[in-house]
Amino acid sequence: MAIAVSIVEDDVQTRKIFASWINGASGFRLAGDWGDAEKAFGALPARKPNVVLMDINLPGMSGVEAVRRLKPLLPDTQFVMLTVYEDADHIYNALAAGATGYLLKQTPRAELLGAVEEVH
């Protein structure tokens, strides 16, 4: 069975790239993508993805706050934060909110898919 992956990323180009990587990879299925946490918050509980790639810095509700609110609703879903930050505060806050891990946005395709597979 394919790993269902959702993406929450406000940068349209980045979101399209990650969506094409998921759609183009054997064993993966895109279970939706959104540009902000509020829209994702309304849709994710019904879609129940296996893994969510969540941008830390979103307009409106931050990715960290979205994970904090979604994790109790989706306890079996793994949240992987997407970030341009490598500092300990951002990483700690994301993990404390319920994220399983984090990836830098410039992570190569094979590494990103491998990380999704690993957390699943």
Protein backbone atom coordinates (compact mmCIF):
# COMPACT_ATOMS: atom_id res chain seq x y z
CA MET A 1 0.00 0.00 0.00
CA ALA A 2 1.27 3.46 -0.93
CA ILE A 3 2.35 5.92 1.76
CA ALA A 4 -0.20 8.76 1.78
CA VAL A 5 1.60 12.09 2.06
CA SER A 6 0.12 15.56 2.50
CA ILE A 7 2.01 18.81 2.06
CA VAL A 8 1.40 22.14 3.81
CA GLU A 9 3.70 24.75 2.26
CA ASP A 10 2.95 28.38 1.43
CA ASP A 11 5.54 28.74 -1.34
CA VAL A 12 3.67 27.58 -4.45
CA GLN A 13 6.79 26.55 -6.37
CA THR A 14 8.20 24.52 -3.46
CA ARG A 15 4.81 22.88 -2.87
CA LYS A 16 4.54 21.92 -6.56
CA ILE A 17 8.04 20.45 -6.57
CA PHE A 18 7.40 18.32 -3.48
CA ALA A 19 4.00 17.25 -4.82
CA SER A 20 5.59 16.15 -8.11
CA TRP A 21 8.23 14.19 -6.19
CA ILE A 22 5.53 12.38 -4.20
CA ASN A 23 3.31 11.77 -7.23
CA GLY A 24 6.23 10.54 -9.30
CA ALA A 25 7.60 8.09 -6.75
CA SER A 26 6.59 4.46 -6.59
CA GLY A 27 5.02 3.57 -3.25
CA PHE A 28 3.85 7.11 -2.48
CA ARG A 29 0.52 8.88 -2.99
CA LEU A 30 -0.23 12.58 -2.62
CA ALA A 31 -3.12 12.98 -0.17
CA GLY A 32 -3.54 16.71 -0.71
CA ASP A 33 -1.54 19.90 -0.54
CA TRP A 34 -2.36 23.28 0.96
CA GLY A 35 -0.80 26.73 1.14
CA ASP A 36 -1.75 27.46 4.74
CA ALA A 37 -2.43 25.68 8.00
CA GLU A 38 -6.04 26.81 8.29
CA LYS A 39 -7.08 25.09 5.03
CA ALA A 40 -5.05 22.01 5.90
CA PHE A 41 -6.55 21.89 9.38
CA GLY A 42 -10.01 21.59 7.88
CA ALA A 43 -9.06 18.79 5.47
CA LEU A 44 -6.36 16.65 7.08
CA PRO A 45 -8.47 14.86 9.73
CA ALA A 46 -10.74 13.44 7.02
CA ARG A 47 -7.85 12.42 4.75
CA LYS A 48 -5.80 10.78 7.51
CA PRO A 49 -2.42 10.87 5.71
CA ASN A 50 0.40 8.68 6.91
CA VAL A 51 2.88 11.56 6.75
CA VAL A 52 2.48 15.34 6.57
CA LEU A 53 5.28 17.57 5.30
CA MET A 54 4.60 20.80 7.19
CA ASP A 55 6.33 24.13 6.62
CA ILE A 56 7.37 25.75 9.91
CA ASN A 57 6.83 29.33 8.71
CA LEU A 58 3.30 29.63 7.37
CA PRO A 59 1.14 32.74 7.06
CA GLY A 60 -1.48 32.88 9.81
CA MET A 61 -1.16 29.79 12.00
CA SER A 62 2.44 28.59 12.11
CA GLY A 63 3.35 25.05 11.16
CA VAL A 64 4.40 24.36 14.75
CA GLU A 65 1.00 25.45 16.07
CA ALA A 66 -0.76 23.43 13.36
CA VAL A 67 1.11 20.28 14.42
CA ARG A 68 0.32 21.00 18.07
CA ARG A 69 -3.41 21.11 17.20
CA LEU A 70 -3.46 18.30 14.63
CA LYS A 71 -1.42 15.67 16.44
CA PRO A 72 -4.20 14.84 18.96
CA LEU A 73 -6.65 14.50 16.04
CA LEU A 74 -4.22 12.40 13.98
CA PRO A 75 -2.15 10.42 16.50
CA ASP A 76 -0.98 7.89 13.88
CA THR A 77 0.15 10.56 11.40
CA GLN A 78 3.81 11.47 11.35
CA PHE A 79 4.59 15.17 10.93
CA VAL A 80 7.88 16.17 9.31
CA MET A 81 8.68 19.86 9.41
CA LEU A 82 10.04 21.61 6.34
CA THR A 83 12.33 24.48 7.15
CA VAL A 84 15.09 26.74 5.97
CA TYR A 85 16.21 27.05 9.60
CA GLU A 86 18.90 24.93 11.18
CA ASP A 87 18.79 26.52 14.62
CA ALA A 88 18.00 24.51 17.74
CA ASP A 89 15.01 26.64 18.85
CA HIS A 90 12.96 26.00 15.72
CA ILE A 91 13.82 22.31 15.77
CA TYR A 92 13.03 21.93 19.47
CA ASN A 93 9.71 23.75 19.18
CA ALA A 94 8.64 21.58 16.25
CA LEU A 95 9.54 18.34 18.03
CA ALA A 96 7.90 19.50 21.26
CA ALA A 97 4.69 20.18 19.30
CA GLY A 98 4.58 16.57 18.10
CA ALA A 99 6.65 16.51 14.94
CA THR A 100 8.64 13.36 14.26
CA GLY A 101 11.47 15.17 12.55
CA TYR A 102 12.45 17.94 10.23
CA LEU A 103 13.96 18.37 6.79
CA LEU A 104 15.62 21.35 5.22
CA LYS A 105 13.73 22.53 2.15
CA GLN A 106 16.82 22.05 0.02
CA THR A 107 16.93 18.32 0.86
CA PRO A 108 17.43 16.33 -2.36
CA ARG A 109 14.52 14.26 -3.69
CA ALA A 110 15.92 10.83 -2.80
CA GLU A 111 16.69 11.91 0.78
CA LEU A 112 13.24 13.45 1.26
CA LEU A 113 11.48 10.32 0.00
CA GLY A 114 13.74 8.16 2.17
CA ALA A 115 12.95 10.25 5.23
CA VAL A 116 9.20 10.00 4.57
CA GLU A 117 9.56 6.24 4.22
CA GLU A 118 11.60 6.05 7.42
CA VAL A 119 9.15 7.98 9.61
CA HIS A 120 6.24 6.01 8.19
